């Protein structure tokens, strides 16, 4: 699309066919299909360039006056070309408005045309107050010369690169192919100072950028500082660095901390890495990701017996139902045989097998107890033998399975739901985002865990890394923590066996962390390209391995027997206590009944 401002100032020298063809060829060679043009030509000249543009695939939109300049936002979803005749009456107004909107960037290919011979003084005067930073794509064309222009900083002189005069599309495409990339051509920022700031949240522990004694404190600034320092050496610029103590949270539409200073005070770059959050995107941009931050609930996997009844685990519901059916059937058959024996008087011993006696026999058989009754009928003896044999097989399998459960590594807690239902206490690392991602999570399980386990604790739920990891080591405690901070302390304080017991459950995925820059910064693409190069060649990974600990392989053997404690047999003690209480209650009822009958 060509947006053309038609004014009363006509310039006949621009109506020549070859110059119109040059303009169209220039933008087509830039792979631009949308063109905004600010010119003051005659209507027939406008029609001519419109026709040529449509034939080349450029779209057209016409504005009647240069006084109504189009709004050129800094970022769109597509690339756009901009044509400006600097000799038009309101050309300066277009330049200044576009400069305020930060429209001089790689998203726009600017062509500034001048019908006079090239004069560097005139070029500098025209662009003196225009912010054309290193990520700008601005070409100035005079009648005898074509140059590429930009500034390394607003108060610095123009940097001019002569491109020679190319007229046809093929020549222009060859020119762009032969030129080095923009990042390569503009790597030298001539030792300018960029306003910047870094984070030091706990100055009392800060002992320098290379101090490894407290890696879990201000990890991101310490990791990012050498990366950006190397980037400064690569691009030949320096930091005018200041220190703040907060990353920045939004309060009443405005941010505090580092984000607030980048929003209000014009800091160019933050010498740290921070989360790429939607609310921050409104006031600043990010140039390149640095590391992936992983967070999870870290805990020592509890034994099965501490989170469930180990005596109910060996058999599935189907096996329990089948076993109950077998022993219920045996008790029923014994009761029927006893009834037949009483009616026929065949066996005096069998006559004593009433319904209650048969039930007692079945329960005793389950518990590997015999019976004082020995019927004379072989059919009843065979039934009792088969019942005892079935009990032996079931009891053997049951006991072996319990031993296997107690000795095997536990996987009792595997999901957030398991963690929410478990008796474990929970804690969260004391960070600036400690509540945010729990509150914003859309996972029902994470929300249930937050409301059930964390919210009732209030501020007591939030601990330092040292305190939280210490509680993980000593008890049933799960700690939501950044893994790099946690494993730094774990490597110093845990035994090998304790390291092997650690498990992780992810509650939510943290956003990527990246280097922040001022919104619409003219150095965003330049810094981003060089930081990505550091990542590709391994420099960024080197600093990540220095400052961020990872989980080391578990060297302790998992073999050997596990000691069985009181907690493992607690359900059995509960059953025994319940039996004692029930027996005592029945005894009291029987004595009361006996007393009533005796007095009667």
Protein backbone atom coordinates (compact mmCIF):
# COMPACT_ATOMS: atom_id res chain seq x y z
CA UNK A 1 0.00 0.00 0.00
CA UNK A 2 1.27 3.49 -0.85
CA UNK A 3 0.05 6.28 1.40
CA UNK A 4 0.72 9.57 -0.40
CA UNK A 5 0.38 13.07 0.96
CA UNK A 6 -0.44 15.40 -1.92
CA UNK A 7 0.33 19.04 -1.22
CA UNK A 8 0.44 22.28 -3.13
CA UNK A 9 4.20 22.20 -3.53
CA UNK A 10 4.99 20.30 -6.70
CA UNK A 11 8.46 19.28 -7.74
CA UNK A 12 8.64 18.55 -11.47
CA UNK A 13 12.05 16.95 -11.22
CA UNK A 14 10.47 13.96 -9.51
CA UNK A 15 8.16 13.15 -12.37
CA UNK A 16 10.81 11.52 -14.45
CA UNK A 17 10.07 7.91 -15.28
CA UNK A 18 13.43 6.53 -14.20
CA UNK A 19 13.19 8.10 -10.76
CA UNK A 20 9.70 6.65 -10.20
CA UNK A 21 11.00 3.27 -11.30
CA UNK A 22 13.91 3.65 -8.87
CA UNK A 23 11.57 4.31 -5.92
CA UNK A 24 9.43 1.26 -6.73
CA UNK A 25 12.50 -0.90 -7.32
CA UNK A 26 14.01 0.23 -3.99
CA UNK A 27 11.08 -0.94 -1.89
CA UNK A 28 10.51 -4.11 -3.88
CA UNK A 29 14.19 -5.01 -3.38
CA UNK A 30 13.60 -4.52 0.37
CA UNK A 31 10.81 -7.13 0.22
CA UNK A 32 8.27 -4.52 1.27
CA UNK A 33 4.67 -4.77 0.12
CA UNK A 34 3.22 -1.89 2.15
CA UNK A 35 4.52 1.62 1.54
CA UNK A 36 3.67 4.87 3.31
CA UNK A 37 4.75 7.90 1.28
CA UNK A 38 4.87 11.53 2.39
CA UNK A 39 5.29 13.63 -0.76
CA UNK A 40 3.99 16.90 -2.19
CA UNK A 41 3.79 15.99 -5.86
CA UNK A 42 1.30 16.79 -8.57
CA UNK A 43 -1.72 14.45 -8.88
CA UNK A 44 -0.45 13.04 -12.18
CA UNK A 45 2.87 12.17 -10.52
CA UNK A 46 0.96 10.44 -7.73
CA UNK A 47 -1.02 8.41 -10.23
CA UNK A 48 2.15 7.42 -12.03
CA UNK A 49 3.92 6.05 -8.94
CA UNK A 50 0.66 4.44 -7.85
CA UNK A 51 0.35 2.59 -11.14
CA UNK A 52 3.99 1.48 -11.04
CA UNK A 53 3.60 0.40 -7.43
CA UNK A 54 0.48 -1.65 -8.09
CA UNK A 55 2.20 -3.36 -11.02
CA UNK A 56 5.07 -4.30 -8.66
CA UNK A 57 2.75 -5.57 -5.92
CA UNK A 58 2.72 -2.49 -3.64
CA UNK A 59 -0.62 -1.49 -2.11
CA UNK A 60 -1.89 2.09 -2.19
CA UNK A 61 -3.67 4.49 0.19
CA UNK A 62 -3.86 8.26 -0.45
CA UNK A 63 -4.01 11.12 2.06
CA UNK A 64 -4.85 14.63 0.82
CA UNK A 65 -2.43 16.72 2.90
CA UNK A 66 0.93 16.41 4.60
CA UNK A 67 -0.50 18.33 7.55
CA UNK A 68 -2.29 15.12 8.58
CA UNK A 69 0.69 12.86 8.97
CA UNK A 70 0.02 9.17 9.43
CA UNK A 71 0.76 7.65 12.81
CA UNK A 72 3.71 5.26 12.51
CA UNK A 73 3.82 3.06 15.61
CA UNK A 74 7.13 1.47 16.48
CA UNK A 75 5.96 -2.14 16.05
CA UNK A 76 3.54 -3.85 13.75
CA UNK A 77 3.04 -7.41 12.62
CA UNK A 78 4.51 -6.68 9.19
CA UNK A 79 7.31 -4.69 7.59
CA UNK A 80 6.53 -1.39 5.94
CA UNK A 81 8.28 1.03 3.66
CA UNK A 82 8.22 4.80 4.18
CA UNK A 83 8.95 7.35 1.43
CA UNK A 84 9.58 10.96 2.43
CA UNK A 85 10.44 13.92 0.20
CA UNK A 86 12.57 16.05 2.54
CA UNK A 87 11.89 19.11 0.39
CA UNK A 88 8.18 19.11 1.21
CA UNK A 89 6.80 21.72 3.56
CA UNK A 90 5.99 19.42 6.49
CA UNK A 91 8.80 16.90 6.08
CA UNK A 92 10.37 17.99 9.37
CA UNK A 93 7.07 17.44 11.13
CA UNK A 94 6.89 13.89 9.75
CA UNK A 95 10.45 13.17 10.90
CA UNK A 96 9.93 14.51 14.41
CA UNK A 97 6.63 12.71 14.95
CA UNK A 98 8.09 9.44 13.71
CA UNK A 99 11.10 9.98 15.96
CA UNK A 100 8.83 10.44 18.99
CA UNK A 101 6.98 7.25 18.06
CA UNK A 102 10.31 5.41 17.70
CA UNK A 103 9.40 4.46 14.14
CA UNK A 104 13.02 4.46 12.96
CA UNK A 105 13.71 0.76 13.40
CA UNK A 106 14.15 -2.36 11.31
CA UNK A 107 10.37 -2.74 10.94
CA UNK A 108 10.39 0.30 8.63
CA UNK A 109 12.56 0.81 5.55
CA UNK A 110 12.86 4.59 5.14
CA UNK A 111 13.79 6.29 1.87
CA UNK A 112 14.47 10.01 2.22
CA UNK A 113 14.72 11.69 -1.19
CA UNK A 114 16.33 15.04 -1.95
CA UNK A 115 16.46 16.59 -5.46
CA UNK A 116 19.71 18.45 -4.80
CA UNK A 117 23.35 17.29 -4.85
CA UNK A 118 24.51 15.46 -1.74
CA UNK A 119 25.44 17.83 1.10
CA UNK A 120 26.41 16.23 4.41
CA UNK A 121 25.76 19.47 6.30
CA UNK A 122 22.19 19.60 4.99
CA UNK A 123 21.68 15.94 5.89
CA UNK A 124 22.92 16.50 9.45
CA UNK A 125 20.78 19.61 9.88
CA UNK A 126 17.68 17.78 8.65
CA UNK A 127 18.23 14.81 10.95
CA UNK A 128 19.77 16.67 13.89
CA UNK A 129 16.78 16.15 16.20
CA UNK A 130 15.71 12.80 14.74
CA UNK A 131 16.40 9.62 16.68
CA UNK A 132 17.83 7.22 14.10
CA UNK A 133 19.59 4.66 16.31
CA UNK A 134 21.54 1.56 15.21
CA UNK A 135 18.45 -0.52 14.55
CA UNK A 136 17.11 2.03 12.03
CA UNK A 137 16.95 1.34 8.29
CA UNK A 138 17.22 4.81 6.74
CA UNK A 139 18.56 5.55 3.26
CA UNK A 140 19.11 9.11 1.99
CA UNK A 141 19.08 9.56 -1.78
CA UNK A 142 20.29 12.72 -3.52
CA UNK A 143 20.61 13.27 -7.25
CA UNK A 144 24.20 12.03 -7.17
CA UNK A 145 24.56 9.78 -4.14
CA UNK A 146 22.81 7.20 -1.96
CA UNK A 147 23.88 6.79 1.67
CA UNK A 148 22.86 4.80 4.74
CA UNK A 149 22.59 6.92 7.94
CA UNK A 150 22.19 6.31 11.68
CA UNK A 151 23.41 7.58 15.07
CA UNK A 152 25.03 5.57 17.83
CA UNK A 153 23.24 7.81 20.37
CA UNK A 154 20.87 10.77 20.26
CA UNK A 155 23.59 13.33 20.99
CA UNK A 156 26.15 11.79 18.61
CA UNK A 157 26.82 12.81 14.98
CA UNK A 158 25.46 10.85 12.05
CA UNK A 159 27.33 7.79 10.85
CA UNK A 160 27.16 7.81 7.05
CA UNK A 161 27.85 4.82 4.80
CA UNK A 162 28.07 5.48 1.06
CA UNK A 163 26.17 2.94 -1.01
CA UNK A 164 26.81 4.18 -4.53
CA UNK A 165 24.02 4.83 -7.03
CA UNK A 166 21.99 1.78 -8.05
CA UNK A 167 18.93 2.23 -10.24
CA UNK A 168 17.43 -1.11 -11.17
CA UNK A 169 15.87 -3.69 -8.91
CA UNK A 170 18.57 -6.23 -9.78
CA UNK A 171 21.34 -3.78 -8.88
CA UNK A 172 19.65 -2.90 -5.59
CA UNK A 173 19.12 -6.55 -4.65
CA UNK A 174 22.77 -7.20 -5.41
CA UNK A 175 23.72 -4.27 -3.18
CA UNK A 176 21.76 -5.60 -0.18
CA UNK A 177 23.26 -9.07 -0.67
CA UNK A 178 26.80 -7.69 -0.81
CA UNK A 179 26.38 -5.56 2.31
CA UNK A 180 27.21 -7.08 5.65
CA UNK A 181 24.32 -7.45 8.06
CA UNK A 182 23.14 -4.41 10.00
CA UNK A 183 24.47 -5.85 13.27
CA UNK A 184 27.88 -6.47 11.72
CA UNK A 185 28.08 -3.03 10.10
CA UNK A 186 26.98 -1.18 13.25
CA UNK A 187 28.83 -3.13 15.92
CA UNK A 188 30.99 -0.17 16.88
CA UNK A 189 29.08 2.18 19.19
CA UNK A 190 32.14 4.39 19.68
CA UNK A 191 32.41 3.99 23.47
CA UNK A 192 29.10 5.69 24.23
CA UNK A 193 27.60 5.34 27.72
CA UNK A 194 24.20 3.70 28.00
CA UNK A 195 22.10 4.49 31.07
CA UNK A 196 21.52 1.24 32.91
CA UNK A 197 20.75 -0.23 36.31
CA UNK A 198 21.19 -3.53 38.11
CA UNK A 199 19.60 -5.29 41.07
CA UNK A 200 21.18 -5.83 44.48
CA UNK A 201 18.41 -6.96 46.81
CA UNK A 202 20.65 -7.69 49.82
CA UNK A 203 23.64 -5.32 49.84
CA UNK A 204 24.86 -6.75 53.14
CA UNK A 205 25.73 -10.00 51.36
CA UNK A 206 27.07 -8.47 48.14
CA UNK A 207 30.84 -9.00 47.89
CA UNK A 208 31.40 -8.41 44.20
CA UNK A 209 30.26 -9.74 40.86
CA UNK A 210 32.53 -12.78 41.03
CA UNK A 211 31.73 -13.86 44.61
CA UNK A 212 30.45 -17.44 44.60
CA UNK A 213 29.86 -17.81 48.35
CA UNK A 214 26.16 -16.87 48.10
CA UNK A 215 25.12 -17.89 44.62
CA UNK A 216 21.45 -18.14 45.59
CA UNK A 217 21.33 -14.39 46.37
CA UNK A 218 20.86 -12.06 43.36
CA UNK A 219 21.68 -14.87 40.97
CA UNK A 220 20.26 -13.17 37.87
CA UNK A 221 22.26 -9.93 38.15
CA UNK A 222 25.47 -11.83 38.89
CA UNK A 223 24.87 -14.13 35.93
CA UNK A 224 23.85 -11.35 33.54
CA UNK A 225 26.58 -8.84 34.43
CA UNK A 226 29.49 -10.71 32.77
CA UNK A 227 27.29 -11.50 29.76
CA UNK A 228 26.45 -7.84 29.19
CA UNK A 229 29.99 -6.76 30.03
CA UNK A 230 31.22 -9.03 27.25
CA UNK A 231 28.50 -7.63 25.02
CA UNK A 232 29.75 -4.11 25.80
CA UNK A 233 33.26 -5.07 24.75
CA UNK A 234 31.88 -6.67 21.62
CA UNK A 235 29.84 -3.60 20.62
CA UNK A 236 32.23 -1.00 22.10
CA UNK A 237 29.92 0.71 24.57
CA UNK A 238 29.95 1.28 28.34
CA UNK A 239 27.40 1.17 31.12
CA UNK A 240 26.45 4.19 33.20
CA UNK A 241 25.37 1.84 35.97
CA UNK A 242 23.19 2.52 38.99
CA UNK A 243 21.86 0.17 41.67
CA UNK A 244 18.27 -0.54 42.70
CA UNK A 245 16.90 -3.09 45.16
CA UNK A 246 13.65 -4.23 43.49
CA UNK A 247 12.74 -5.70 40.13
CA UNK A 248 9.46 -3.83 40.08
CA UNK A 249 5.81 -4.50 40.80
CA UNK A 250 2.82 -2.68 39.38
CA UNK A 251 1.02 -0.36 41.79
CA UNK A 252 -1.89 1.76 40.53
CA UNK A 253 -0.78 1.49 36.91
CA UNK A 254 2.85 2.40 37.59
CA UNK A 255 5.85 0.26 38.42
CA UNK A 256 8.45 0.67 41.12
CA UNK A 257 12.00 -0.69 41.21
CA UNK A 258 14.02 -1.31 38.07
CA UNK A 259 10.96 -1.59 35.82
CA UNK A 260 9.68 1.74 37.10
CA UNK A 261 12.98 3.47 36.43
CA UNK A 262 13.07 2.08 32.90
CA UNK A 263 9.50 3.28 32.49
CA UNK A 264 9.98 6.83 33.82
CA UNK A 265 13.69 7.69 33.85
CA UNK A 266 14.69 6.41 30.42
CA UNK A 267 17.16 3.72 31.43
CA UNK A 268 18.32 2.02 28.25
CA UNK A 269 19.11 -1.47 29.53
CA UNK A 270 18.75 -3.48 32.72
CA UNK A 271 21.90 -5.36 33.75
CA UNK A 272 19.98 -8.35 34.99
CA UNK A 273 17.51 -10.91 33.75
CA UNK A 274 13.86 -10.82 34.71
CA UNK A 275 10.66 -12.68 33.98
CA UNK A 276 8.99 -11.86 30.68
CA UNK A 277 5.55 -11.00 32.08
CA UNK A 278 2.63 -9.49 30.19
CA UNK A 279 2.31 -6.56 32.58
CA UNK A 280 5.97 -5.64 32.05
CA UNK A 281 5.66 -5.81 28.26
CA UNK A 282 3.46 -2.71 28.46
CA UNK A 283 6.30 -0.54 29.75
CA UNK A 284 9.50 -2.20 28.51
CA UNK A 285 10.81 -4.75 26.03
CA UNK A 286 13.20 -7.69 26.22
CA UNK A 287 16.09 -8.20 23.84
CA UNK A 288 17.16 -11.83 24.43
CA UNK A 289 16.54 -14.74 26.75
CA UNK A 290 19.40 -15.75 29.01
CA UNK A 291 18.49 -18.85 31.03
CA UNK A 292 15.53 -21.07 31.69
CA UNK A 293 14.48 -20.90 35.32
CA UNK A 294 12.93 -24.04 36.76
CA UNK A 295 10.95 -24.16 39.96
CA UNK A 296 9.30 -27.09 41.70
CA UNK A 297 8.22 -28.47 45.04
CA UNK A 298 11.31 -30.21 46.39
CA UNK A 299 10.89 -32.87 49.08
CA UNK A 300 12.21 -36.16 50.33
CA UNK A 301 9.86 -38.86 49.15
CA UNK A 302 8.05 -40.18 52.24
CA UNK A 303 7.53 -43.88 52.81
CA UNK A 304 4.25 -45.39 51.75
CA UNK A 305 3.32 -46.02 55.36
CA UNK A 306 3.57 -42.32 56.24
CA UNK A 307 0.99 -41.23 53.68
CA UNK A 308 -1.26 -44.31 53.46
CA UNK A 309 -2.25 -47.49 55.27
CA UNK A 310 0.38 -50.01 54.20
CA UNK A 311 -1.79 -52.92 55.36
CA UNK A 312 -4.45 -52.03 52.78
CA UNK A 313 -2.04 -51.74 49.82
CA UNK A 314 -0.95 -55.36 49.03
CA UNK A 315 -4.20 -56.45 47.35
CA UNK A 316 -6.33 -54.70 44.81
CA UNK A 317 -10.03 -54.28 45.39
CA UNK A 318 -10.75 -57.31 43.24
CA UNK A 319 -8.45 -59.57 45.29
CA UNK A 320 -9.90 -58.25 48.54
CA UNK A 321 -13.41 -58.96 47.27
CA UNK A 322 -12.46 -62.47 46.07
CA UNK A 323 -10.81 -63.33 49.40
CA UNK A 324 -13.81 -62.09 51.33
CA UNK A 325 -16.12 -64.16 49.11
CA UNK A 326 -14.03 -67.30 49.66
CA UNK A 327 -14.02 -67.05 53.45
CA UNK A 328 -17.67 -65.95 53.61
CA UNK A 329 -18.57 -68.99 51.50
CA UNK A 330 -16.58 -71.30 53.77
CA UNK A 331 -18.34 -69.91 56.86
CA UNK A 332 -21.73 -70.31 55.17
CA UNK A 333 -21.04 -73.95 54.17
CA UNK A 334 -19.86 -74.82 57.68
CA UNK A 335 -23.02 -73.31 59.14
CA UNK A 336 -25.16 -75.35 56.68
CA UNK A 337 -23.26 -78.55 57.53
CA UNK A 338 -23.77 -77.82 61.24
CA UNK A 339 -27.51 -77.35 60.70
CA UNK A 340 -27.73 -80.67 58.80
CA UNK A 341 -25.73 -82.42 61.52
CA UNK A 342 -28.09 -81.15 64.23
CA UNK A 343 -31.14 -82.37 62.33
CA UNK A 344 -29.71 -85.82 61.52
CA UNK A 345 -27.61 -86.29 64.69
CA UNK A 346 -24.79 -87.77 62.58
CA UNK A 347 -21.87 -85.99 64.23
CA UNK A 348 -22.06 -84.54 67.77
CA UNK A 349 -19.02 -82.30 67.13
CA UNK A 350 -20.46 -80.91 63.90
CA UNK A 351 -23.67 -80.03 65.68
CA UNK A 352 -21.78 -77.33 67.61
CA UNK A 353 -21.00 -75.40 64.36
CA UNK A 354 -23.63 -72.71 64.66
CA UNK A 355 -23.65 -69.57 62.50
CA UNK A 356 -21.58 -67.59 65.05
CA UNK A 357 -19.16 -70.48 65.54
CA UNK A 358 -18.70 -70.81 61.77
CA UNK A 359 -18.06 -67.08 61.47
CA UNK A 360 -15.51 -67.28 64.29
CA UNK A 361 -13.79 -70.16 62.50
CA UNK A 362 -13.58 -68.18 59.22
CA UNK A 363 -12.11 -65.13 60.97
CA UNK A 364 -9.62 -67.30 62.84
CA UNK A 365 -8.60 -69.00 59.62
CA UNK A 366 -7.90 -65.63 58.01
CA UNK A 367 -5.64 -64.84 60.97
CA UNK A 368 -3.85 -68.20 60.67
CA UNK A 369 -5.59 -69.64 63.76
CA UNK A 370 -6.93 -73.18 63.93
CA UNK A 371 -10.07 -74.45 65.66
CA UNK A 372 -10.63 -76.70 68.69
CA UNK A 373 -13.47 -78.43 66.81
CA UNK A 374 -12.64 -81.55 64.78
CA UNK A 375 -15.73 -82.97 63.08
CA UNK A 376 -15.92 -86.65 62.28
CA UNK A 377 -17.47 -86.09 58.85
CA UNK A 378 -14.80 -86.13 56.12
CA UNK A 379 -16.71 -83.62 54.01
CA UNK A 380 -16.49 -81.02 56.80
CA UNK A 381 -12.84 -81.84 57.45
CA UNK A 382 -12.06 -81.34 53.73
CA UNK A 383 -13.87 -77.98 53.74
CA UNK A 384 -11.93 -76.81 56.80
CA UNK A 385 -8.65 -78.01 55.27
CA UNK A 386 -9.26 -76.18 51.98
CA UNK A 387 -10.17 -73.01 53.88
CA UNK A 388 -6.92 -73.21 55.89
CA UNK A 389 -4.92 -73.83 52.70
CA UNK A 390 -6.48 -70.82 50.94
CA UNK A 391 -5.72 -68.74 54.03
CA UNK A 392 -2.07 -69.91 53.94
CA UNK A 393 -1.63 -68.84 50.31
CA UNK A 394 -3.35 -65.49 50.85
CA UNK A 395 -1.43 -64.76 54.06
CA UNK A 396 1.93 -65.63 52.44
CA UNK A 397 1.28 -63.35 49.47
CA UNK A 398 -0.01 -60.62 51.74
CA UNK A 399 3.03 -60.69 54.04
CA UNK A 400 5.50 -60.80 51.15
CA UNK A 401 3.83 -57.85 49.48
CA UNK A 402 3.97 -55.77 52.66
CA UNK A 403 7.70 -56.47 53.00
CA UNK A 404 8.22 -55.49 49.36
CA UNK A 405 6.28 -52.25 49.84
CA UNK A 406 8.31 -51.33 52.93
CA UNK A 407 11.65 -52.05 51.24
CA UNK A 408 10.97 -50.64 47.78
CA UNK A 409 11.70 -46.94 46.96
CA UNK A 410 8.54 -44.95 47.54
CA UNK A 411 6.58 -43.19 44.81
CA UNK A 412 3.74 -42.23 47.08
CA UNK A 413 3.67 -38.58 45.89
CA UNK A 414 3.74 -38.06 42.14
CA UNK A 415 1.31 -35.22 41.38
CA UNK A 416 0.13 -31.94 42.83
CA UNK A 417 -3.09 -33.70 43.89
CA UNK A 418 -1.06 -36.26 45.85
CA UNK A 419 0.85 -33.44 47.53
CA UNK A 420 -2.35 -31.58 48.43
CA UNK A 421 -3.89 -34.69 50.04
CA UNK A 422 -0.72 -35.74 51.85
CA UNK A 423 0.09 -34.86 55.50
CA UNK A 424 3.24 -32.99 54.39
CA UNK A 425 3.76 -29.36 55.39
CA UNK A 426 4.47 -26.93 52.55
CA UNK A 427 6.58 -23.80 52.13
CA UNK A 428 7.52 -21.37 49.36
CA UNK A 429 10.80 -19.60 48.65
CA UNK A 430 10.80 -15.94 49.66
CA UNK A 431 10.86 -14.19 46.26
CA UNK A 432 9.17 -11.21 44.66
CA UNK A 433 6.86 -13.53 42.71
CA UNK A 434 6.10 -15.83 45.68
CA UNK A 435 2.32 -15.38 45.47
CA UNK A 436 1.86 -14.28 41.87
CA UNK A 437 2.15 -17.54 39.99
CA UNK A 438 0.09 -19.54 42.49
CA UNK A 439 -2.66 -16.93 42.33
CA UNK A 440 -2.50 -16.70 38.51
CA UNK A 441 -2.28 -20.44 37.87
CA UNK A 442 -5.27 -21.88 36.02
CA UNK A 443 -4.53 -25.46 37.05
CA UNK A 444 -7.30 -26.61 39.45
CA UNK A 445 -4.89 -28.87 41.36
CA UNK A 446 -2.42 -26.02 41.94
CA UNK A 447 -5.21 -23.71 43.03
CA UNK A 448 -6.57 -26.34 45.45
CA UNK A 449 -3.10 -26.88 46.92
CA UNK A 450 -2.58 -23.13 47.33
CA UNK A 451 -5.90 -22.61 49.12
CA UNK A 452 -5.64 -25.74 51.28
CA UNK A 453 -1.97 -25.74 52.26
CA UNK A 454 -0.41 -22.30 51.75
CA UNK A 455 -3.06 -19.63 52.13
CA UNK A 456 -3.96 -20.54 55.76
CA UNK A 457 -0.29 -20.16 56.79
CA UNK A 458 -0.03 -16.52 55.68
CA UNK A 459 3.52 -15.17 55.87
CA UNK A 460 4.72 -18.29 57.70
CA UNK A 461 4.55 -20.15 54.39
CA UNK A 462 7.41 -18.09 52.89
CA UNK A 463 10.95 -19.03 53.90
CA UNK A 464 14.49 -18.33 52.83
CA UNK A 465 16.21 -20.94 50.70
CA UNK A 466 18.48 -22.01 53.57
CA UNK A 467 15.62 -22.50 56.05
CA UNK A 468 13.36 -24.22 53.54
CA UNK A 469 16.00 -26.72 52.39
CA UNK A 470 16.91 -27.46 56.03
CA UNK A 471 13.27 -28.35 56.76
CA UNK A 472 13.13 -30.57 53.68
CA UNK A 473 16.08 -32.50 55.07
CA UNK A 474 14.65 -33.09 58.54
CA UNK A 475 10.97 -33.79 58.09
CA UNK A 476 7.84 -34.24 56.03
CA UNK A 477 8.16 -30.92 54.25
CA UNK A 478 7.84 -29.85 50.60
CA UNK A 479 9.44 -26.57 49.50
CA UNK A 480 8.61 -24.63 46.31
CA UNK A 481 12.00 -23.27 45.26
CA UNK A 482 14.11 -22.30 42.28
CA UNK A 483 16.08 -25.44 41.53
CA UNK A 484 19.39 -23.71 40.94
CA UNK A 485 19.25 -22.03 44.37
CA UNK A 486 18.14 -25.21 46.09
CA UNK A 487 20.81 -27.52 44.66
CA UNK A 488 23.57 -25.07 45.54
CA UNK A 489 22.72 -25.50 49.23
CA UNK A 490 21.88 -29.19 48.92
CA UNK A 491 25.33 -29.90 47.46
CA UNK A 492 26.90 -28.41 50.60
CA UNK A 493 24.65 -29.82 53.34
CA UNK A 494 23.06 -33.13 52.23
CA UNK A 495 24.56 -36.61 52.33
CA UNK A 496 24.58 -38.70 49.16
CA UNK A 497 21.73 -40.89 50.41
CA UNK A 498 19.67 -37.82 51.26
CA UNK A 499 20.27 -36.41 47.77
CA UNK A 500 18.99 -39.65 46.27
CA UNK A 501 15.73 -39.38 48.21
CA UNK A 502 14.85 -35.97 46.75
CA UNK A 503 11.87 -35.72 44.44
CA UNK A 504 10.35 -32.85 42.47
CA UNK A 505 6.79 -31.94 41.53
CA UNK A 506 6.22 -28.93 39.26
CA UNK A 507 3.31 -26.73 40.31
CA UNK A 508 3.57 -24.24 37.44
CA UNK A 509 5.92 -23.32 34.61
CA UNK A 510 7.90 -20.15 35.15
CA UNK A 511 8.28 -17.69 32.24
CA UNK A 512 11.59 -17.29 30.49
CA UNK A 513 13.96 -14.70 31.89
CA UNK A 514 15.51 -12.15 29.55
CA UNK A 515 17.50 -8.92 29.51
CA UNK A 516 15.14 -5.91 29.68
CA UNK A 517 15.59 -2.81 27.54
CA UNK A 518 13.66 0.42 27.29
CA UNK A 519 10.45 0.19 25.32
CA UNK A 520 11.19 0.71 21.60
CA UNK A 521 14.88 0.91 22.36
CA UNK A 522 17.09 1.60 19.38
CA UNK A 523 19.58 -1.01 20.65
CA UNK A 524 17.14 -3.88 21.13
CA UNK A 525 17.94 -5.78 17.95
CA UNK A 526 21.66 -5.05 18.16
CA UNK A 527 21.93 -6.32 21.75
CA UNK A 528 19.63 -9.25 21.02
CA UNK A 529 21.73 -10.41 18.07
CA UNK A 530 24.98 -10.35 20.05
CA UNK A 531 23.43 -12.05 23.09
CA UNK A 532 22.04 -14.81 20.88
CA UNK A 533 25.51 -15.22 19.40
CA UNK A 534 26.87 -15.72 22.93
CA UNK A 535 24.26 -18.40 23.51
CA UNK A 536 25.06 -20.17 20.22
CA UNK A 537 28.81 -20.34 20.86
CA UNK A 538 28.37 -21.53 24.46
CA UNK A 539 29.48 -18.43 26.37
CA UNK A 540 26.09 -17.96 27.99
CA UNK A 541 25.96 -21.61 28.99
CA UNK A 542 29.35 -21.27 30.62
CA UNK A 543 28.12 -18.49 32.89
CA UNK A 544 24.94 -20.43 33.58
CA UNK A 545 26.98 -23.40 34.82
CA UNK A 546 29.04 -21.10 37.04
CA UNK A 547 26.11 -19.37 38.72
CA UNK A 548 23.27 -21.89 38.54
CA UNK A 549 23.64 -25.26 40.20
CA UNK A 550 22.07 -28.35 38.70
CA UNK A 551 21.11 -31.62 40.28
CA UNK A 552 24.11 -33.92 40.49
CA UNK A 553 23.79 -37.64 39.69
CA UNK A 554 22.89 -39.81 42.66
CA UNK A 555 25.94 -41.87 43.68
CA UNK A 556 24.49 -43.62 46.73
CA UNK A 557 23.34 -47.18 46.23
CA UNK A 558 19.63 -47.80 46.65
CA UNK A 559 20.10 -51.34 47.91
CA UNK A 560 20.05 -52.63 51.49
CA UNK A 561 17.22 -53.03 53.92
CA UNK A 562 15.13 -50.18 55.14
CA UNK A 563 14.49 -49.97 58.87
CA UNK A 564 10.86 -50.34 59.87
CA UNK A 565 9.70 -47.81 62.43
CA UNK A 566 6.62 -47.34 64.53
CA UNK A 567 4.93 -45.32 61.81
CA UNK A 568 5.03 -48.34 59.49
CA UNK A 569 2.99 -50.54 61.89
CA UNK A 570 0.83 -47.77 63.24
CA UNK A 571 -2.36 -48.97 61.45
CA UNK A 572 -1.89 -52.40 63.10
CA UNK A 573 -1.58 -50.75 66.51
CA UNK A 574 -4.70 -48.76 65.76
CA UNK A 575 -6.55 -51.98 64.92
CA UNK A 576 -5.30 -53.59 68.13
CA UNK A 577 -6.38 -50.60 70.20
CA UNK A 578 -9.77 -50.57 68.51
CA UNK A 579 -10.15 -54.29 69.24
CA UNK A 580 -9.24 -53.80 72.89
CA UNK A 581 -11.76 -50.99 73.26
CA UNK A 582 -14.47 -52.98 71.49
CA UNK A 583 -13.76 -56.08 73.60
CA UNK A 584 -13.89 -54.03 76.78
CA UNK A 585 -17.19 -52.49 75.74
CA UNK A 586 -18.66 -55.92 74.93
CA UNK A 587 -17.40 -57.25 78.26
CA UNK A 588 -19.18 -54.47 80.11
CA UNK A 589 -22.36 -55.13 78.13
CA UNK A 590 -22.19 -58.86 78.90
CA UNK A 591 -21.62 -58.27 82.63
CA UNK A 592 -24.52 -55.85 82.71
CA UNK A 593 -26.71 -58.38 80.93
CA UNK A 594 -25.61 -61.15 83.31
CA UNK A 595 -26.34 -58.96 86.32
CA UNK A 596 -29.84 -58.20 85.04
CA UNK A 597 -30.57 -61.89 84.42
CA UNK A 598 -29.23 -62.89 87.87
CA UNK A 599 -31.40 -60.38 89.72
CA UNK A 600 -34.40 -61.41 87.71
